[in-house]
N, C-alpha and C. Protein backbone atom coordinates (compact mmCIF):
# COMPACT_ATOMS: atom_id res chain seq x y z
N MET A 1 42.67 206.36 180.51
CA MET A 1 42.28 205.35 181.44
C MET A 1 42.35 203.97 180.80
N ARG A 2 41.99 203.94 179.57
CA ARG A 2 41.97 202.69 178.86
C ARG A 2 43.36 202.06 178.78
N GLY A 3 44.38 202.82 178.58
CA GLY A 3 45.74 202.32 178.52
C GLY A 3 46.21 201.78 179.86
N PHE A 4 45.74 202.39 180.95
CA PHE A 4 46.13 201.96 182.29
C PHE A 4 45.60 200.56 182.59
N GLN A 5 44.33 200.30 182.19
CA GLN A 5 43.74 198.99 182.43
C GLN A 5 44.42 197.89 181.63
N SER A 6 44.83 198.19 180.43
CA SER A 6 45.49 197.16 179.63
C SER A 6 46.85 196.79 180.23
N ASP A 7 47.54 197.76 180.85
CA ASP A 7 48.81 197.45 181.50
C ASP A 7 48.60 196.53 182.71
N ILE A 8 47.53 196.78 183.47
CA ILE A 8 47.23 195.95 184.64
C ILE A 8 46.89 194.54 184.20
N SER A 9 46.08 194.41 183.16
CA SER A 9 45.67 193.08 182.71
C SER A 9 46.85 192.28 182.18
N LYS A 10 47.84 192.94 181.65
CA LYS A 10 49.03 192.22 181.19
C LYS A 10 49.84 191.70 182.37
N GLY A 11 49.80 192.41 183.50
CA GLY A 11 50.58 192.02 184.67
C GLY A 11 49.94 190.92 185.49
N VAL A 12 48.66 190.68 185.33
CA VAL A 12 47.97 189.68 186.13
C VAL A 12 48.50 188.27 185.87
N PRO A 13 48.64 187.82 184.62
CA PRO A 13 49.18 186.48 184.43
C PRO A 13 50.59 186.34 185.00
N TYR A 14 51.39 187.39 184.86
CA TYR A 14 52.74 187.36 185.41
C TYR A 14 52.68 187.21 186.92
N MET A 15 51.79 187.92 187.58
CA MET A 15 51.65 187.86 189.03
C MET A 15 51.13 186.48 189.45
N GLN A 16 50.22 185.91 188.69
CA GLN A 16 49.72 184.57 189.01
C GLN A 16 50.84 183.54 188.96
N TRP A 17 51.67 183.62 187.93
CA TRP A 17 52.80 182.69 187.83
C TRP A 17 53.78 182.88 188.97
N LEU A 18 54.00 184.12 189.34
CA LEU A 18 54.90 184.40 190.45
C LEU A 18 54.38 183.78 191.75
N ILE A 19 53.08 183.89 191.98
CA ILE A 19 52.46 183.31 193.18
C ILE A 19 52.55 181.79 193.14
N ILE A 20 52.29 181.20 191.98
CA ILE A 20 52.35 179.75 191.84
C ILE A 20 53.77 179.25 192.11
N VAL A 21 54.77 179.91 191.54
CA VAL A 21 56.16 179.53 191.77
C VAL A 21 56.51 179.65 193.25
N PHE A 22 56.07 180.71 193.88
CA PHE A 22 56.34 180.92 195.31
C PHE A 22 55.72 179.80 196.15
N ILE A 23 54.49 179.42 195.84
CA ILE A 23 53.81 178.36 196.59
C ILE A 23 54.53 177.02 196.40
N ILE A 24 54.92 176.71 195.17
CA ILE A 24 55.63 175.45 194.92
C ILE A 24 56.98 175.44 195.64
N ALA A 25 57.69 176.55 195.58
CA ALA A 25 58.98 176.63 196.29
C ALA A 25 58.79 176.47 197.79
N SER A 26 57.72 177.02 198.31
CA SER A 26 57.42 176.90 199.73
C SER A 26 57.13 175.44 200.11
N LEU A 27 56.37 174.75 199.28
CA LEU A 27 56.06 173.34 199.54
C LEU A 27 57.31 172.47 199.47
N ILE A 28 58.14 172.70 198.47
CA ILE A 28 59.38 171.93 198.34
C ILE A 28 60.29 172.20 199.54
N GLY A 29 60.39 173.45 199.94
CA GLY A 29 61.20 173.80 201.11
C GLY A 29 60.70 173.11 202.37
N SER A 30 59.39 173.05 202.53
CA SER A 30 58.82 172.38 203.71
C SER A 30 59.13 170.89 203.69
N MET A 31 59.05 170.27 202.51
CA MET A 31 59.34 168.85 202.42
C MET A 31 60.81 168.58 202.74
N LEU A 32 61.70 169.42 202.24
CA LEU A 32 63.12 169.24 202.52
C LEU A 32 63.42 169.46 203.99
N TRP A 33 62.72 170.36 204.62
CA TRP A 33 62.94 170.65 206.03
C TRP A 33 62.54 169.46 206.89
N VAL A 34 61.50 168.74 206.49
CA VAL A 34 60.99 167.60 207.26
C VAL A 34 61.85 166.35 207.05
N MET A 35 62.47 166.23 205.90
CA MET A 35 63.27 165.03 205.61
C MET A 35 64.53 165.00 206.48
N PRO A 36 64.93 163.80 206.92
CA PRO A 36 66.13 163.70 207.77
C PRO A 36 67.40 164.03 206.99
N SER A 37 68.34 164.59 207.71
CA SER A 37 69.65 164.91 207.11
C SER A 37 70.45 163.61 206.98
N PRO A 38 71.54 163.63 206.22
CA PRO A 38 72.38 162.42 206.14
C PRO A 38 72.86 161.96 207.51
N ARG A 39 73.20 162.89 208.39
CA ARG A 39 73.65 162.53 209.75
C ARG A 39 72.53 161.83 210.52
N GLN A 40 71.30 162.35 210.40
CA GLN A 40 70.16 161.74 211.09
C GLN A 40 69.87 160.35 210.54
N ARG A 41 70.00 160.16 209.23
CA ARG A 41 69.80 158.83 208.64
C ARG A 41 70.87 157.86 209.15
N TYR A 42 72.11 158.33 209.23
CA TYR A 42 73.21 157.51 209.75
C TYR A 42 72.92 157.08 211.19
N GLN A 43 72.49 158.03 212.02
CA GLN A 43 72.19 157.71 213.42
C GLN A 43 71.04 156.71 213.52
N ALA A 44 70.01 156.88 212.71
CA ALA A 44 68.88 155.96 212.74
C ALA A 44 69.31 154.56 212.34
N ASP A 45 70.13 154.45 211.29
CA ASP A 45 70.63 153.14 210.85
C ASP A 45 71.49 152.50 211.93
N LEU A 46 72.35 153.30 212.53
CA LEU A 46 73.25 152.81 213.57
C LEU A 46 72.45 152.30 214.78
N ARG A 47 71.47 153.05 215.18
CA ARG A 47 70.66 152.68 216.35
C ARG A 47 69.80 151.46 216.05
N MET A 48 69.36 151.31 214.81
CA MET A 48 68.61 150.11 214.43
C MET A 48 69.52 148.88 214.47
N ARG A 49 70.75 149.04 214.02
CA ARG A 49 71.73 147.95 214.11
C ARG A 49 71.95 147.55 215.56
N ALA A 50 72.05 148.55 216.42
CA ALA A 50 72.27 148.28 217.85
C ALA A 50 71.10 147.48 218.42
N ARG A 51 69.88 147.86 218.07
CA ARG A 51 68.71 147.13 218.56
C ARG A 51 68.74 145.68 218.12
N LYS A 52 69.16 145.44 216.88
CA LYS A 52 69.24 144.07 216.37
C LYS A 52 70.29 143.26 217.13
N MET A 53 71.30 143.95 217.67
CA MET A 53 72.35 143.28 218.45
C MET A 53 71.96 143.13 219.91
N GLY A 54 70.79 143.64 220.29
CA GLY A 54 70.35 143.55 221.68
C GLY A 54 70.84 144.68 222.56
N ILE A 55 71.28 145.77 221.95
CA ILE A 55 71.78 146.92 222.68
C ILE A 55 70.68 147.98 222.73
N GLN A 56 70.43 148.50 223.92
CA GLN A 56 69.46 149.58 224.06
C GLN A 56 70.18 150.91 223.83
N VAL A 57 69.54 151.82 223.11
CA VAL A 57 70.12 153.14 222.88
C VAL A 57 69.17 154.18 223.42
N GLN A 58 69.71 155.04 224.27
CA GLN A 58 68.93 156.14 224.84
C GLN A 58 69.77 157.40 224.80
N LEU A 59 69.12 158.53 224.72
CA LEU A 59 69.84 159.78 224.88
C LEU A 59 69.93 160.04 226.37
N ALA A 60 71.14 160.27 226.84
CA ALA A 60 71.37 160.43 228.28
C ALA A 60 71.99 161.80 228.56
N ARG A 61 71.71 162.28 229.73
CA ARG A 61 72.32 163.51 230.21
C ARG A 61 73.49 163.09 231.10
N LEU A 62 74.67 163.38 230.67
CA LEU A 62 75.88 162.96 231.36
C LEU A 62 76.50 164.17 232.05
N GLU A 63 76.50 164.12 233.37
CA GLU A 63 77.08 165.22 234.15
C GLU A 63 78.55 164.90 234.41
N LEU A 64 79.41 165.66 233.79
CA LEU A 64 80.84 165.45 233.93
C LEU A 64 81.34 166.07 235.23
N PRO A 65 82.32 165.43 235.87
CA PRO A 65 82.90 166.05 237.06
C PRO A 65 83.71 167.29 236.66
N ARG A 66 84.06 168.04 237.63
CA ARG A 66 84.83 169.26 237.39
C ARG A 66 86.21 168.89 236.88
N ALA A 67 86.56 169.41 235.72
CA ALA A 67 87.88 169.14 235.13
C ALA A 67 88.94 169.97 235.85
N LYS A 68 90.19 169.58 235.66
CA LYS A 68 91.29 170.34 236.26
C LYS A 68 91.22 171.79 235.79
N GLY A 69 91.28 172.71 236.75
CA GLY A 69 91.28 174.13 236.42
C GLY A 69 89.90 174.72 236.18
N GLU A 70 88.85 173.93 236.26
CA GLU A 70 87.49 174.42 236.05
C GLU A 70 86.78 174.59 237.38
N THR A 71 85.79 175.48 237.41
CA THR A 71 85.04 175.71 238.65
C THR A 71 83.82 174.81 238.76
N GLU A 72 83.29 174.36 237.63
CA GLU A 72 82.15 173.43 237.67
C GLU A 72 82.18 172.52 236.47
N GLY A 73 81.51 171.38 236.60
CA GLY A 73 81.51 170.38 235.54
C GLY A 73 80.55 170.73 234.42
N ASP A 74 80.80 170.13 233.26
CA ASP A 74 79.93 170.32 232.10
C ASP A 74 78.82 169.27 232.10
N ILE A 75 77.83 169.51 231.27
CA ILE A 75 76.75 168.55 231.07
C ILE A 75 76.69 168.23 229.58
N LEU A 76 76.71 166.94 229.25
CA LEU A 76 76.63 166.49 227.87
C LEU A 76 75.33 165.72 227.66
N ASN A 77 74.68 165.95 226.54
CA ASN A 77 73.59 165.09 226.10
C ASN A 77 74.19 164.17 225.05
N VAL A 78 74.25 162.90 225.36
CA VAL A 78 75.00 161.96 224.54
C VAL A 78 74.24 160.64 224.43
N PRO A 79 74.33 159.95 223.28
CA PRO A 79 73.71 158.63 223.18
C PRO A 79 74.38 157.64 224.12
N ALA A 80 73.57 156.87 224.83
CA ALA A 80 74.06 155.85 225.75
C ALA A 80 73.71 154.48 225.16
N TYR A 81 74.73 153.71 224.84
CA TYR A 81 74.56 152.36 224.30
C TYR A 81 74.66 151.39 225.46
N ARG A 82 73.52 150.78 225.84
CA ARG A 82 73.45 149.93 227.03
C ARG A 82 73.37 148.45 226.64
N ILE A 83 74.34 147.70 227.13
CA ILE A 83 74.36 146.25 226.91
C ILE A 83 73.89 145.61 228.21
N LEU A 84 72.75 144.93 228.14
CA LEU A 84 72.17 144.34 229.34
C LEU A 84 73.03 143.20 229.87
N ARG A 85 73.15 143.16 231.18
CA ARG A 85 73.90 142.08 231.84
C ARG A 85 72.92 140.95 232.11
N GLN A 86 73.21 139.79 231.54
CA GLN A 86 72.34 138.64 231.73
C GLN A 86 73.07 137.50 232.43
N ASN A 87 74.30 137.77 232.86
CA ASN A 87 75.11 136.70 233.45
C ASN A 87 75.32 136.88 234.95
N LEU A 88 74.50 137.69 235.61
CA LEU A 88 74.64 137.90 237.06
C LEU A 88 73.48 137.26 237.80
N ASP A 89 73.79 136.57 238.91
CA ASP A 89 72.71 136.05 239.75
C ASP A 89 72.31 137.12 240.77
N ARG A 90 71.32 136.81 241.56
CA ARG A 90 70.77 137.79 242.51
C ARG A 90 71.82 138.29 243.51
N ASN A 91 72.63 137.38 244.06
CA ASN A 91 73.66 137.78 245.02
C ASN A 91 74.70 138.70 244.39
N GLU A 92 75.08 138.40 243.15
CA GLU A 92 76.05 139.25 242.45
C GLU A 92 75.47 140.64 242.19
N LYS A 93 74.20 140.69 241.83
CA LYS A 93 73.56 141.99 241.61
C LYS A 93 73.48 142.80 242.89
N ASP A 94 73.16 142.12 244.00
CA ASP A 94 73.03 142.83 245.28
C ASP A 94 74.37 143.37 245.78
N SER A 95 75.45 142.68 245.48
CA SER A 95 76.76 143.12 245.99
C SER A 95 77.58 143.87 244.93
N TRP A 96 76.97 144.21 243.83
CA TRP A 96 77.68 144.85 242.72
C TRP A 96 78.17 146.24 243.10
N TYR A 97 79.39 146.55 242.70
CA TYR A 97 79.92 147.90 242.89
C TYR A 97 79.81 148.63 241.55
N ALA A 98 78.92 149.60 241.47
CA ALA A 98 78.75 150.37 240.23
C ALA A 98 79.88 151.38 240.11
N TRP A 99 80.37 151.57 238.89
CA TRP A 99 81.44 152.54 238.65
C TRP A 99 81.21 153.23 237.31
N GLN A 100 81.88 154.34 237.16
CA GLN A 100 81.78 155.11 235.92
C GLN A 100 83.11 155.82 235.68
N VAL A 101 83.62 155.70 234.46
CA VAL A 101 84.82 156.45 234.07
C VAL A 101 84.47 157.33 232.88
N LEU A 102 85.07 158.51 232.87
CA LEU A 102 84.75 159.49 231.84
C LEU A 102 86.02 160.03 231.21
N ARG A 103 85.91 160.41 229.95
CA ARG A 103 87.05 160.96 229.23
C ARG A 103 87.17 162.45 229.57
N ILE A 104 87.82 162.71 230.69
CA ILE A 104 88.06 164.07 231.16
C ILE A 104 89.19 164.00 232.18
N GLU A 105 89.98 165.04 232.24
CA GLU A 105 91.08 165.06 233.21
C GLU A 105 90.63 165.76 234.48
N THR A 106 90.58 164.99 235.55
CA THR A 106 90.25 165.52 236.87
C THR A 106 91.36 165.11 237.83
N LEU A 107 91.17 165.37 239.08
CA LEU A 107 92.14 164.95 240.08
C LEU A 107 91.98 163.48 240.44
N ASN A 108 90.90 162.85 239.99
CA ASN A 108 90.58 161.48 240.35
C ASN A 108 90.90 160.52 239.19
N GLN A 109 92.17 160.40 238.83
CA GLN A 109 92.59 159.57 237.71
C GLN A 109 93.37 158.33 238.15
N GLU A 110 93.28 158.00 239.39
CA GLU A 110 94.09 156.92 239.95
C GLU A 110 93.99 155.63 239.13
N ALA A 111 95.15 155.17 238.65
CA ALA A 111 95.32 153.91 237.92
C ALA A 111 94.71 153.91 236.52
N LEU A 112 94.20 155.02 236.04
CA LEU A 112 93.59 155.08 234.71
C LEU A 112 94.56 155.72 233.71
N PRO A 113 94.39 155.40 232.41
CA PRO A 113 95.23 156.04 231.40
C PRO A 113 94.98 157.56 231.36
N GLU A 114 95.92 158.27 230.79
CA GLU A 114 95.80 159.73 230.69
C GLU A 114 94.53 160.11 229.93
N GLY A 115 93.83 161.09 230.46
CA GLY A 115 92.60 161.56 229.82
C GLY A 115 91.34 160.92 230.36
N TRP A 116 91.45 159.93 231.23
CA TRP A 116 90.29 159.26 231.81
C TRP A 116 90.26 159.51 233.32
N SER A 117 89.06 159.64 233.87
CA SER A 117 88.90 159.87 235.31
C SER A 117 87.71 159.08 235.84
N TRP A 118 87.78 158.77 237.13
CA TRP A 118 86.66 158.13 237.81
C TRP A 118 85.59 159.17 238.06
N ARG A 119 84.34 158.78 237.98
CA ARG A 119 83.23 159.71 238.23
C ARG A 119 83.11 160.00 239.72
N SER A 120 83.19 158.96 240.53
CA SER A 120 83.06 159.15 241.97
C SER A 120 84.45 159.18 242.60
N GLU A 121 84.49 159.42 243.88
CA GLU A 121 85.78 159.59 244.54
C GLU A 121 86.56 158.29 244.69
N SER A 122 85.88 157.18 244.87
CA SER A 122 86.61 155.92 245.02
C SER A 122 86.53 155.13 243.73
N MET A 123 87.62 154.48 243.37
CA MET A 123 87.64 153.78 242.10
C MET A 123 86.97 152.42 242.16
N GLY A 124 87.11 151.67 243.22
CA GLY A 124 86.37 150.44 243.40
C GLY A 124 86.87 149.21 242.67
N LEU A 125 87.69 149.34 241.65
CA LEU A 125 88.21 148.17 240.93
C LEU A 125 89.66 147.94 241.30
N GLU A 126 90.04 146.66 241.31
CA GLU A 126 91.42 146.31 241.66
C GLU A 126 91.88 145.15 240.78
N GLY A 127 93.16 144.87 240.83
CA GLY A 127 93.75 143.68 240.22
C GLY A 127 93.40 143.49 238.76
N ASN A 128 92.95 142.26 238.44
CA ASN A 128 92.64 141.90 237.06
C ASN A 128 91.51 142.74 236.48
N ALA A 129 90.52 143.05 237.30
CA ALA A 129 89.40 143.86 236.82
C ALA A 129 89.89 145.23 236.37
N LEU A 130 90.72 145.85 237.17
CA LEU A 130 91.26 147.16 236.83
C LEU A 130 92.15 147.07 235.59
N ALA A 131 92.97 146.03 235.50
CA ALA A 131 93.85 145.85 234.34
C ALA A 131 93.04 145.69 233.06
N THR A 132 91.94 144.93 233.13
CA THR A 132 91.07 144.74 231.97
C THR A 132 90.45 146.06 231.55
N LEU A 133 89.98 146.84 232.51
CA LEU A 133 89.39 148.14 232.20
C LEU A 133 90.42 149.07 231.57
N VAL A 134 91.61 149.14 232.14
CA VAL A 134 92.66 150.02 231.61
C VAL A 134 93.00 149.64 230.17
N GLU A 135 93.09 148.34 229.90
CA GLU A 135 93.38 147.88 228.53
C GLU A 135 92.27 148.31 227.57
N LEU A 136 91.03 148.20 228.00
CA LEU A 136 89.91 148.63 227.17
C LEU A 136 89.98 150.13 226.91
N LEU A 137 90.21 150.92 227.93
CA LEU A 137 90.25 152.38 227.77
C LEU A 137 91.31 152.81 226.77
N LYS A 138 92.41 152.10 226.73
CA LYS A 138 93.48 152.43 225.78
C LYS A 138 93.07 152.16 224.33
N GLN A 139 92.12 151.25 224.13
CA GLN A 139 91.70 150.86 222.78
C GLN A 139 90.49 151.64 222.27
N LEU A 140 89.80 152.33 223.14
CA LEU A 140 88.57 153.01 222.73
C LEU A 140 88.85 154.22 221.84
N PRO A 141 88.01 154.43 220.83
CA PRO A 141 88.18 155.61 219.98
C PRO A 141 87.82 156.89 220.76
N ASP A 142 88.25 158.02 220.23
CA ASP A 142 88.06 159.31 220.90
C ASP A 142 86.60 159.70 221.09
N ASP A 143 85.70 159.15 220.29
CA ASP A 143 84.30 159.55 220.42
C ASP A 143 83.53 158.77 221.49
N VAL A 144 84.20 157.87 222.19
CA VAL A 144 83.60 157.25 223.38
C VAL A 144 84.01 158.13 224.56
N VAL A 145 83.02 158.77 225.20
CA VAL A 145 83.33 159.74 226.25
C VAL A 145 83.12 159.19 227.65
N GLY A 146 82.62 157.97 227.77
CA GLY A 146 82.45 157.40 229.10
C GLY A 146 81.98 155.96 229.06
N ILE A 147 82.21 155.28 230.19
CA ILE A 147 81.74 153.90 230.38
C ILE A 147 81.16 153.83 231.78
N GLU A 148 80.04 153.14 231.88
CA GLU A 148 79.39 152.96 233.18
C GLU A 148 79.05 151.49 233.35
N SER A 149 79.26 150.98 234.56
CA SER A 149 78.94 149.59 234.85
C SER A 149 78.01 149.53 236.05
N THR A 150 76.85 148.93 235.85
CA THR A 150 75.88 148.72 236.92
C THR A 150 75.49 147.24 236.89
N PRO A 151 74.75 146.77 237.89
CA PRO A 151 74.33 145.36 237.84
C PRO A 151 73.33 145.08 236.72
N LEU A 152 72.74 146.11 236.15
CA LEU A 152 71.77 145.92 235.07
C LEU A 152 72.40 145.95 233.69
N HIS A 153 73.39 146.81 233.48
CA HIS A 153 73.95 146.97 232.14
C HIS A 153 75.34 147.58 232.18
N LEU A 154 76.03 147.43 231.06
CA LEU A 154 77.28 148.13 230.80
C LEU A 154 76.94 149.17 229.74
N THR A 155 77.29 150.42 230.00
CA THR A 155 76.91 151.51 229.11
C THR A 155 78.14 152.17 228.51
N LEU A 156 78.08 152.38 227.20
CA LEU A 156 79.08 153.19 226.50
C LEU A 156 78.42 154.51 226.12
N TYR A 157 79.01 155.60 226.53
CA TYR A 157 78.54 156.92 226.12
C TYR A 157 79.36 157.28 224.87
N TRP A 158 78.68 157.24 223.73
CA TRP A 158 79.36 157.28 222.44
C TRP A 158 78.77 158.39 221.58
N LEU A 159 79.61 159.21 220.96
CA LEU A 159 79.16 160.32 220.13
C LEU A 159 78.80 159.90 218.70
N GLU A 160 78.89 158.63 218.38
CA GLU A 160 78.44 158.05 217.11
C GLU A 160 79.17 158.62 215.90
N ARG A 161 80.47 158.71 215.99
CA ARG A 161 81.25 159.14 214.82
C ARG A 161 81.90 157.91 214.21
N GLY A 162 82.33 158.03 212.97
CA GLY A 162 83.00 156.91 212.32
C GLY A 162 82.03 156.07 211.51
N GLU A 163 82.53 154.96 211.05
CA GLU A 163 81.76 154.05 210.20
C GLU A 163 80.79 153.21 211.04
N PRO A 164 79.71 152.72 210.41
CA PRO A 164 78.76 151.87 211.15
C PRO A 164 79.40 150.61 211.75
N GLU A 165 80.49 150.14 211.15
CA GLU A 165 81.16 148.95 211.66
C GLU A 165 81.77 149.18 213.04
N ARG A 166 81.93 150.45 213.41
CA ARG A 166 82.51 150.76 214.72
C ARG A 166 81.63 150.20 215.84
N LEU A 167 80.33 150.13 215.62
CA LEU A 167 79.43 149.58 216.64
C LEU A 167 79.83 148.15 216.98
N GLU A 168 80.06 147.33 215.96
CA GLU A 168 80.48 145.95 216.20
C GLU A 168 81.84 145.90 216.90
N GLN A 169 82.75 146.79 216.51
CA GLN A 169 84.07 146.84 217.14
C GLN A 169 83.94 147.18 218.63
N LEU A 170 83.12 148.16 218.94
CA LEU A 170 82.92 148.54 220.35
C LEU A 170 82.29 147.40 221.13
N TYR A 171 81.34 146.72 220.52
CA TYR A 171 80.67 145.59 221.18
C TYR A 171 81.70 144.50 221.52
N GLU A 172 82.58 144.21 220.58
CA GLU A 172 83.62 143.20 220.82
C GLU A 172 84.61 143.66 221.88
N LEU A 173 84.96 144.94 221.88
CA LEU A 173 85.92 145.46 222.86
C LEU A 173 85.42 145.33 224.29
N VAL A 174 84.12 145.49 224.52
CA VAL A 174 83.59 145.47 225.89
C VAL A 174 83.22 144.07 226.37
N GLN A 175 83.30 143.08 225.51
CA GLN A 175 82.92 141.72 225.92
C GLN A 175 83.71 141.21 227.12
N PRO A 176 85.01 141.48 227.23
CA PRO A 176 85.72 141.03 228.45
C PRO A 176 85.11 141.61 229.73
N LEU A 177 84.64 142.83 229.70
CA LEU A 177 84.00 143.41 230.90
C LEU A 177 82.71 142.68 231.23
N ILE A 178 81.96 142.31 230.21
CA ILE A 178 80.70 141.57 230.42
C ILE A 178 81.01 140.17 230.95
N GLU A 179 81.89 139.47 230.26
CA GLU A 179 82.19 138.07 230.61
C GLU A 179 82.85 137.95 231.98
N GLN A 180 83.73 138.89 232.32
CA GLN A 180 84.42 138.82 233.61
C GLN A 180 83.64 139.51 234.73
N LYS A 181 82.46 139.98 234.41
CA LYS A 181 81.56 140.61 235.39
C LYS A 181 82.23 141.79 236.09
N ILE A 182 82.76 142.67 235.27
CA ILE A 182 83.44 143.87 235.79
C ILE A 182 82.50 145.06 235.68
């Protein structure tokens, strides 16, 4: 019996160290789990830059129209970068025609570049306004999946890929739509 107890007593310090190591590993794992990933840090920095530029960023649920050959449309949860319209008077806001174009191929692509479609059935833009929009759509990177124009704001639905400087590039690209009240 005496030999059995001495074997147990030798194992106790080993077991204590094993428990201590397990607890420390668990704490470190929990801390790493709570810390933001590099992608999350990038998104936070990007969204903070947007706020400094006066752009509101919200996560939006974007309901895509039915694509060619599909039976129903998809739903995307995507960041919406909203640039407030401050150059419209009350009459312009009241008579504003809201529109939305999305990067998807549907039957409603009238006058738009390949890969872009109108959200609603009527396009609503003509002449110079339509030409300005088409030129913008041709320049947008692939991670911009939609644009919406309302009397309150112009919204870019953007998947936030690429370098942080892309935010400034996108802001400059949409300025003609803001200035020309499209």
